[in-house]
Amino acid sequence: MNKTAFFFLLAAPASSFCFGFSDIVNWTGTGSNRAAMVLDWNDGTADRSLAWGFRWDGTKTAEDMLRAIDGNDPRLTLSFTFYSGLGYALTQATYDRDLNGTPEHDEGGFNAGTPGYWAYYIGNSPTAVPTWSSSDFGISGVTLENNDWDGLSWAPNFVDGPPADPQAAPVPEPLTFFALAGLLAISRKRQPR
């Protein structure tokens, strides 16, 4: 290696991984607009922060996005609580990666008796995770715009901070869907009429 090439290698800034829309693999919905939802369980695990994508047309809120993603990913279970004058808030988020009944992530606030809450952050970037800003409104009061990034980060003991750099929430394998459909069909047959 010549001295000039070596100098440029030393002078080049270290590149850091920058998670963006192109890294998201688990998408919900269809439409010309896109947004990302990041959930950060803030529990110290390597995959504590996961990202899902959402597509839509028309007008949707962050609440609509969360509910649609929750309905599309069988490993994710979200609970919401309605607060008069404020709308809905996320109060529990569970993620069971292997669908084995033992969730890898499970954080809840307010109603679960666990000290903490899900802090809500927003940003907008056409390429990568933006610089997060704390939202002045709850998930029911934020209308999505194209290229929005919405993040909910568990704030243990009410100490909040923006979501960590996420990993892509994987797409459930087709076998998982067939297994769930089979279990649902069996449970329906066993119910008395």
Protein backbone atom coordinates (compact mmCIF):
# COMPACT_ATOMS: atom_id res chain seq x y z
CA MET A 1 0.00 0.00 0.00
CA ASN A 2 1.42 3.39 -0.90
CA LYS A 3 1.66 6.25 1.63
CA THR A 4 -1.12 8.30 -0.03
CA ALA A 5 -3.67 5.47 0.17
CA PHE A 6 -2.68 4.79 3.78
CA PHE A 7 -3.19 8.47 4.66
CA PHE A 8 -6.73 8.47 3.17
CA LEU A 9 -7.64 5.37 5.14
CA LEU A 10 -6.54 7.07 8.35
CA ALA A 11 -8.21 10.38 7.47
CA ALA A 12 -11.53 8.82 6.42
CA PRO A 13 -14.20 9.12 9.10
CA ALA A 14 -15.20 5.89 10.76
CA SER A 15 -18.51 4.82 9.31
CA SER A 16 -21.20 3.87 11.76
CA PHE A 17 -24.19 1.73 11.04
CA CYS A 18 -27.18 3.86 10.19
CA PHE A 19 -30.52 2.04 10.27
CA GLY A 20 -32.98 3.20 7.61
CA PHE A 21 -36.19 2.35 5.81
CA SER A 22 -34.29 0.00 3.51
CA ASP A 23 -33.33 -2.12 6.55
CA ILE A 24 -36.94 -2.73 7.63
CA VAL A 25 -38.21 -6.17 6.57
CA ASN A 26 -41.50 -6.47 8.47
CA TRP A 27 -44.05 -4.21 6.76
CA THR A 28 -47.76 -3.80 7.49
CA GLY A 29 -50.32 -2.26 5.14
CA THR A 30 -50.23 -0.94 1.60
CA GLY A 31 -50.13 2.53 0.14
CA SER A 32 -47.87 5.27 -1.15
CA ASN A 33 -46.88 6.62 2.29
CA ARG A 34 -44.48 4.92 4.66
CA ALA A 35 -43.54 5.31 8.32
CA ALA A 36 -41.47 3.35 10.81
CA MET A 37 -42.33 2.34 14.36
CA VAL A 38 -39.50 1.64 16.79
CA LEU A 39 -40.17 -0.04 20.13
CA ASP A 40 -37.31 0.05 22.63
CA TRP A 41 -37.86 -2.16 25.68
CA ASN A 42 -34.79 -0.59 27.31
CA ASP A 43 -34.09 -3.89 29.05
CA GLY A 44 -30.38 -4.28 28.36
CA THR A 45 -30.72 -7.06 25.77
CA ALA A 46 -28.94 -7.00 22.42
CA ASP A 47 -32.22 -6.74 20.49
CA ARG A 48 -33.96 -4.39 22.90
CA SER A 49 -35.00 -1.98 20.12
CA LEU A 50 -36.94 -3.27 17.08
CA ALA A 51 -38.39 -1.50 14.03
CA TRP A 52 -41.45 -2.25 11.91
CA GLY A 53 -42.65 -0.50 8.76
CA PHE A 54 -46.15 0.76 7.94
CA ARG A 55 -47.66 1.78 4.58
CA TRP A 56 -50.93 3.62 4.06
CA ASP A 57 -52.96 6.05 2.00
CA GLY A 58 -55.26 8.73 3.37
CA THR A 59 -55.03 9.84 6.99
CA LYS A 60 -53.65 7.64 9.78
CA THR A 61 -52.44 8.28 13.31
CA ALA A 62 -49.57 6.74 15.24
CA GLU A 63 -52.21 4.77 17.14
CA ASP A 64 -53.53 3.36 13.84
CA MET A 65 -49.99 2.31 12.91
CA LEU A 66 -49.35 0.61 16.27
CA ARG A 67 -52.64 -1.27 16.19
CA ALA A 68 -52.08 -2.43 12.59
CA ILE A 69 -48.54 -3.65 13.34
CA ASP A 70 -49.79 -5.38 16.49
CA GLY A 71 -52.46 -7.16 14.43
CA ASN A 72 -49.96 -8.20 11.76
CA ASP A 73 -47.11 -9.59 13.90
CA PRO A 74 -48.18 -12.55 16.07
CA ARG A 75 -45.08 -12.17 18.25
CA LEU A 76 -46.05 -8.65 19.33
CA THR A 77 -48.79 -7.95 21.88
CA LEU A 78 -49.65 -4.36 22.72
CA SER A 79 -52.09 -3.04 25.31
CA PHE A 80 -53.56 0.44 25.34
CA THR A 81 -55.37 2.50 27.94
CA PHE A 82 -57.73 5.38 27.17
CA TYR A 83 -57.25 8.62 29.09
CA SER A 84 -60.09 11.13 28.83
CA GLY A 85 -59.04 14.21 26.91
CA LEU A 86 -55.73 12.65 25.88
CA GLY A 87 -56.64 9.56 23.88
CA TYR A 88 -54.92 6.21 24.01
CA ALA A 89 -51.49 5.46 25.48
CA LEU A 90 -49.39 2.34 25.08
CA THR A 91 -49.30 0.70 28.51
CA GLN A 92 -47.86 -2.77 27.83
CA ALA A 93 -45.67 -4.23 25.08
CA THR A 94 -44.69 -7.88 24.90
CA TYR A 95 -42.53 -9.55 22.25
CA ASP A 96 -42.32 -13.35 22.06
CA ARG A 97 -39.76 -13.98 19.31
CA ASP A 98 -40.18 -17.78 19.30
CA LEU A 99 -43.92 -17.86 20.09
CA ASN A 100 -43.12 -20.24 22.91
CA GLY A 101 -45.12 -18.42 25.58
CA THR A 102 -42.03 -16.91 27.21
CA PRO A 103 -41.59 -13.37 25.90
CA GLU A 104 -38.08 -12.02 25.43
CA HIS A 105 -39.37 -8.51 26.11
CA ASP A 106 -42.24 -7.52 28.40
CA GLU A 107 -42.58 -4.02 29.78
CA GLY A 108 -45.69 -2.35 31.08
CA GLY A 109 -46.49 0.74 32.99
CA PHE A 110 -49.36 2.54 34.62
CA ASN A 111 -51.88 -0.30 34.94
CA ALA A 112 -49.35 -3.12 35.28
CA GLY A 113 -47.97 -1.67 38.51
CA THR A 114 -44.46 -1.46 37.07
CA PRO A 115 -42.78 1.89 37.70
CA GLY A 116 -42.31 3.53 34.34
CA TYR A 117 -44.11 4.42 31.14
CA TRP A 118 -43.71 4.30 27.36
CA ALA A 119 -42.17 7.64 26.31
CA TYR A 120 -43.17 8.74 22.81
CA TYR A 121 -40.68 10.24 20.34
CA ILE A 122 -41.07 11.42 16.76
CA GLY A 123 -38.93 12.43 13.79
CA ASN A 124 -38.97 12.54 10.01
CA SER A 125 -36.29 11.38 7.59
CA PRO A 126 -36.53 9.87 4.11
CA THR A 127 -33.49 7.66 4.69
CA ALA A 128 -32.43 6.84 8.26
CA VAL A 129 -33.45 7.05 11.90
CA PRO A 130 -33.79 10.78 12.60
CA THR A 131 -32.75 12.82 15.57
CA TRP A 132 -35.59 12.05 17.96
CA SER A 133 -37.81 14.72 19.54
CA SER A 134 -40.15 14.10 22.44
CA SER A 135 -43.74 14.34 21.21
CA ASP A 136 -46.03 16.98 22.67
CA PHE A 137 -49.00 14.73 21.88
CA GLY A 138 -49.93 11.11 22.48
CA ILE A 139 -50.23 8.39 19.86
CA SER A 140 -53.91 9.19 19.20
CA GLY A 141 -53.15 12.85 18.49
CA VAL A 142 -50.27 12.49 16.01
CA THR A 143 -51.24 12.30 12.34
CA LEU A 144 -48.65 10.40 10.31
CA GLU A 145 -46.76 11.99 7.46
CA ASN A 146 -44.72 10.24 4.79
CA ASN A 147 -41.24 9.24 6.08
CA ASP A 148 -42.20 9.63 9.75
CA TRP A 149 -40.33 7.72 12.42
CA ASP A 150 -42.26 7.12 15.62
CA GLY A 151 -40.56 5.62 18.63
CA LEU A 152 -41.77 4.37 21.98
CA SER A 153 -39.11 3.80 24.58
CA TRP A 154 -39.72 2.19 27.98
CA ALA A 155 -38.82 4.71 30.69
CA PRO A 156 -37.99 2.65 33.79
CA ASN A 157 -38.64 4.53 37.02
CA PHE A 158 -39.93 7.40 34.85
CA VAL A 159 -36.47 8.25 33.46
CA ASP A 160 -36.97 8.53 29.72
CA GLY A 161 -34.75 8.77 26.69
CA PRO A 162 -35.13 8.27 22.95
CA PRO A 163 -35.12 4.80 21.42
CA ALA A 164 -31.75 3.15 20.82
CA ASP A 165 -30.66 2.33 17.28
CA PRO A 166 -33.05 -0.46 16.26
CA GLN A 167 -32.77 -3.80 14.59
CA ALA A 168 -35.31 -4.93 12.02
CA ALA A 169 -38.20 -6.90 13.51
CA PRO A 170 -38.08 -10.13 11.50
CA VAL A 171 -40.94 -11.30 9.34
CA PRO A 172 -42.73 -14.30 10.87
CA GLU A 173 -42.03 -17.47 8.93
CA PRO A 174 -45.01 -18.79 6.92
CA LEU A 175 -44.99 -21.94 9.04
CA THR A 176 -45.69 -19.77 12.08
CA PHE A 177 -48.83 -18.40 10.46
CA PHE A 178 -50.02 -21.88 9.51
CA ALA A 179 -49.36 -23.17 13.03
CA LEU A 180 -51.29 -20.27 14.57
CA ALA A 181 -54.18 -20.74 12.13
CA GLY A 182 -54.30 -24.44 13.00
CA LEU A 183 -54.36 -23.74 16.74
CA LEU A 184 -57.12 -21.19 16.24
CA ALA A 185 -59.19 -23.68 14.19
CA ILE A 186 -58.75 -26.38 16.85
CA SER A 187 -59.75 -24.03 19.67
CA ARG A 188 -62.87 -22.92 17.76
CA LYS A 189 -63.95 -26.54 17.17
CA ARG A 190 -63.66 -27.31 20.88
CA GLN A 191 -65.86 -24.44 22.00
CA PRO A 192 -69.46 -25.43 22.84
CA ARG A 193 -72.12 -24.07 20.54
